[in-house]
C-alpha atoms as a PDB file:
ATOM      1  CA  MET A   1      22.397  -0.030 -15.624  1.00  0.00           C
ATOM      2  CA  ASP A   2      20.068   2.458 -17.605  1.00  0.00           C
ATOM      3  CA  ASN A   3      19.039   5.777 -16.061  1.00  0.00           C
ATOM      4  CA  LYS A   4      15.507   4.616 -15.274  1.00  0.00           C
ATOM      5  CA  SER A   5      16.860   1.605 -13.303  1.00  0.00           C
ATOM      6  CA  LEU A   6      19.437   3.912 -11.546  1.00  0.00           C
ATOM      7  CA  GLY A   7      16.605   6.287 -10.515  1.00  0.00           C
ATOM      8  CA  SER A   8      14.476   3.556  -9.251  1.00  0.00           C
ATOM      9  CA  ARG A   9      17.449   2.155  -7.289  1.00  0.00           C
ATOM     10  CA  GLY A  10      18.113   5.670  -5.859  1.00  0.00           C
ATOM     11  CA  GLU A  11      14.457   6.199  -4.797  1.00  0.00           C
ATOM     12  CA  GLU A  12      14.455   2.892  -3.005  1.00  0.00           C
ATOM     13  CA  ALA A  13      17.609   3.723  -1.164  1.00  0.00           C
ATOM     14  CA  ALA A  14      16.293   7.056  -0.260  1.00  0.00           C
ATOM     15  CA  ALA A  15      13.023   5.656   1.022  1.00  0.00           C
ATOM     16  CA  LEU A  16      14.989   3.165   3.253  1.00  0.00           C
ATOM     17  CA  TYR A  17      17.344   6.041   4.478  1.00  0.00           C
ATOM     18  CA  LEU A  18      14.344   8.109   5.455  1.00  0.00           C
ATOM     19  CA  VAL A  19      12.626   5.136   7.323  1.00  0.00           C
ATOM     20  CA  ARG A  20      15.906   4.386   9.219  1.00  0.00           C
ATOM     21  CA  HIS A  21      15.955   8.150  10.232  1.00  0.00           C
ATOM     22  CA  GLY A  22      12.490   8.075  11.758  1.00  0.00           C
ATOM     23  CA  TYR A  23      10.366   9.154   8.831  1.00  0.00           C
ATOM     24  CA  LYS A  24       7.132   7.450   7.835  1.00  0.00           C
ATOM     25  CA  ILE A  25       6.674   6.979   4.115  1.00  0.00           C
ATOM     26  CA  LEU A  26       3.197   8.181   3.171  1.00  0.00           C
ATOM     27  CA  GLU A  27       3.367   7.835  -0.532  1.00  0.00           C
ATOM     28  CA  ARG A  28       5.824   7.233  -3.436  1.00  0.00           C
ATOM     29  CA  ASN A  29       5.753   8.643  -6.945  1.00  0.00           C
ATOM     30  CA  PHE A  30       2.654  10.718  -6.343  1.00  0.00           C
ATOM     31  CA  ARG A  31       1.592  11.816  -9.886  1.00  0.00           C
ATOM     32  CA  VAL A  32      -0.948  14.383 -10.947  1.00  0.00           C
ATOM     33  CA  PRO A  33      -1.171  16.637 -13.999  1.00  0.00           C
ATOM     34  CA  THR A  34       1.175  19.203 -12.593  1.00  0.00           C
ATOM     35  CA  GLY A  35       4.027  16.743 -12.011  1.00  0.00           C
ATOM     36  CA  GLU A  36       5.409  14.053  -9.663  1.00  0.00           C
ATOM     37  CA  ILE A  37       6.843  13.959  -6.153  1.00  0.00           C
ATOM     38  CA  ASP A  38       9.098  11.033  -5.495  1.00  0.00           C
ATOM     39  CA  ILE A  39       8.495  10.602  -1.864  1.00  0.00           C
ATOM     40  CA  VAL A  40       5.922  12.025   0.567  1.00  0.00           C
ATOM     41  CA  ALA A  41       6.925  11.391   4.124  1.00  0.00           C
ATOM     42  CA  GLY A  42       5.893  12.328   7.662  1.00  0.00           C
ATOM     43  CA  GLN A  43       8.305  13.503  10.324  1.00  0.00           C
ATOM     44  CA  GLY A  44       6.260  14.159  13.450  1.00  0.00           C
ATOM     45  CA  ASP A  45       3.557  16.615  12.338  1.00  0.00           C
ATOM     46  CA  ILE A  46       5.607  17.856   9.320  1.00  0.00           C
ATOM     47  CA  LEU A  47       4.903  16.602   5.819  1.00  0.00           C
ATOM     48  CA  VAL A  48       8.064  16.232   3.801  1.00  0.00           C
ATOM     49  CA  PHE A  49       7.974  16.370  -0.047  1.00  0.00           C
ATOM     50  CA  ALA A  50      11.234  14.803  -1.141  1.00  0.00           C
ATOM     51  CA  GLU A  51      12.813  14.960  -4.570  1.00  0.00           C
ATOM     52  CA  VAL A  52      15.376  12.143  -5.218  1.00  0.00           C
ATOM     53  CA  LYS A  53      18.304  12.708  -7.666  1.00  0.00           C
ATOM     54  CA  THR A  54      20.593   9.768  -8.302  1.00  0.00           C
ATOM     55  CA  ARG A  55      24.021  10.057 -10.031  1.00  0.00           C
ATOM     56  CA  ARG A  56      27.031   7.784 -10.394  1.00  0.00           C
ATOM     57  CA  THR A  57      29.454  10.678 -10.343  1.00  0.00           C
ATOM     58  CA  GLU A  58      29.538  14.405  -9.887  1.00  0.00           C
ATOM     59  CA  ARG A  59      30.946  14.860 -13.357  1.00  0.00           C
ATOM     60  CA  CYS A  60      27.798  16.925 -14.354  1.00  0.00           C
ATOM     61  CA  GLY A  61      27.538  18.599 -10.968  1.00  0.00           C
ATOM     62  CA  PHE A  62      25.817  17.883  -7.812  1.00  0.00           C
ATOM     63  CA  PRO A  63      22.480  16.012  -8.223  1.00  0.00           C
ATOM     64  CA  ALA A  64      20.621  18.717  -6.283  1.00  0.00           C
ATOM     65  CA  GLN A  65      21.537  21.214  -8.991  1.00  0.00           C
ATOM     66  CA  ALA A  66      19.121  19.426 -11.186  1.00  0.00           C
ATOM     67  CA  VAL A  67      16.357  20.681  -8.963  1.00  0.00           C
ATOM     68  CA  ASN A  68      16.248  24.126 -10.573  1.00  0.00           C
ATOM     69  CA  TYR A  69      13.720  26.899 -10.134  1.00  0.00           C
ATOM     70  CA  HIS A  70      11.297  25.430 -12.789  1.00  0.00           C
ATOM     71  CA  LYS A  71      11.589  21.951 -11.177  1.00  0.00           C
ATOM     72  CA  GLN A  72      10.982  23.484  -7.789  1.00  0.00           C
ATOM     73  CA  GLN A  73       7.833  25.170  -9.002  1.00  0.00           C
ATOM     74  CA  LYS A  74       6.462  21.909 -10.466  1.00  0.00           C
ATOM     75  CA  ILE A  75       7.056  20.212  -7.049  1.00  0.00           C
ATOM     76  CA  ILE A  76       5.405  22.949  -5.156  1.00  0.00           C
ATOM     77  CA  GLN A  77       2.327  22.867  -7.338  1.00  0.00           C
ATOM     78  CA  THR A  78       2.205  19.127  -7.120  1.00  0.00           C
ATOM     79  CA  ALA A  79       2.437  19.290  -3.389  1.00  0.00           C
ATOM     80  CA  LYS A  80      -0.437  21.797  -3.172  1.00  0.00           C
ATOM     81  CA  TRP A  81      -2.419  19.250  -5.166  1.00  0.00           C
ATOM     82  CA  PHE A  82      -1.520  16.505  -2.564  1.00  0.00           C
ATOM     83  CA  LEU A  83      -2.484  18.845   0.380  1.00  0.00           C
ATOM     84  CA  ARG A  84      -5.816  19.820  -1.255  1.00  0.00           C
ATOM     85  CA  GLN A  85      -6.752  16.211  -2.122  1.00  0.00           C
ATOM     86  CA  ARG A  86      -6.145  15.062   1.481  1.00  0.00           C
ATOM     87  CA  HIS A  87      -7.499  18.256   3.171  1.00  0.00           C
ATOM     88  CA  LEU A  88      -4.183  18.964   4.744  1.00  0.00           C
ATOM     89  CA  GLU A  89      -3.640  22.565   3.638  1.00  0.00           C
ATOM     90  CA  GLU A  90      -2.851  23.734   7.163  1.00  0.00           C
ATOM     91  CA  ARG A  91      -0.380  21.060   7.878  1.00  0.00           C
ATOM     92  CA  PRO A  92       3.332  22.326   8.041  1.00  0.00           C
ATOM     93  CA  CYS A  93       5.405  21.020   5.204  1.00  0.00           C
ATOM     94  CA  ARG A  94       8.923  21.373   3.727  1.00  0.00           C
ATOM     95  CA  PHE A  95      10.851  20.388   0.653  1.00  0.00           C
ATOM     96  CA  ASP A  96      13.845  18.236   0.859  1.00  0.00           C
ATOM     97  CA  VAL A  97      16.256  16.883  -1.783  1.00  0.00           C
ATOM     98  CA  LEU A  98      18.097  13.597  -1.363  1.00  0.00           C
ATOM     99  CA  GLU A  99      21.236  13.226  -3.450  1.00  0.00           C
ATOM    100  CA  VAL A 100      22.052   9.548  -4.048  1.00  0.00           C
ATOM    101  CA  TYR A 101      25.430   8.564  -5.174  1.00  0.00           C
ATOM    102  CA  ALA A 102      25.348   5.060  -6.499  1.00  0.00           C
ATOM    103  CA  HIS A 103      28.798   3.278  -6.358  1.00  0.00           C
ATOM    104  CA  GLY A 104      28.652  -0.277  -7.396  1.00  0.00           C
ATOM    105  CA  GLU A 105      26.390  -1.996  -4.884  1.00  0.00           C
ATOM    106  CA  ASN A 106      26.501   0.771  -2.402  1.00  0.00           C
ATOM    107  CA  CYS A 107      24.738   4.065  -2.255  1.00  0.00           C
ATOM    108  CA  HIS A 108      25.832   7.254  -0.352  1.00  0.00           C
ATOM    109  CA  ILE A 109      22.998   9.715   0.540  1.00  0.00           C
ATOM    110  CA  ARG A 110      23.206  13.363   1.217  1.00  0.00           C
ATOM    111  CA  HIS A 111      19.924  14.691   2.614  1.00  0.00           C
ATOM    112  CA  ILE A 112      19.304  18.345   2.149  1.00  0.00           C
ATOM    113  CA  ILE A 113      16.679  19.342   4.601  1.00  0.00           C
ATOM    114  CA  GLY A 114      14.533  22.412   3.628  1.00  0.00           C
ATOM    115  CA  ALA A 115      16.359  22.617   0.181  1.00  0.00           C
ATOM    116  CA  PHE A 116      13.898  25.170  -1.004  1.00  0.00           C
ATOM    117  CA  GLU A 117      10.700  26.924   0.093  1.00  0.00           C
ATOM    118  CA  ALA A 118       7.185  27.397  -1.441  1.00  0.00           C
END
């Protein structure tokens, strides 16, 4: 499986995980000039901007480590764009990371709530 297919599989598993845990998926792969957000979800009145990182192993470190300062800033700017487009600037929001470990046919997910702040 190539990296693109692995990433798509991880995003699908993460979206299903969020739905099973009571989140409502509002948008997937939201793209604007500043970047992309994998999943935008609602949890009650909170908007959750979720970055999904999928790996087969931890050989190169934990997946969340790939969400470095530069990546966080791109996600924050993209989230601001999302909020402005929908006139939701006053809505509370947070930034989560979902680490997806793909093992054969199974996926294990570690959900890091509030992984970073704007």
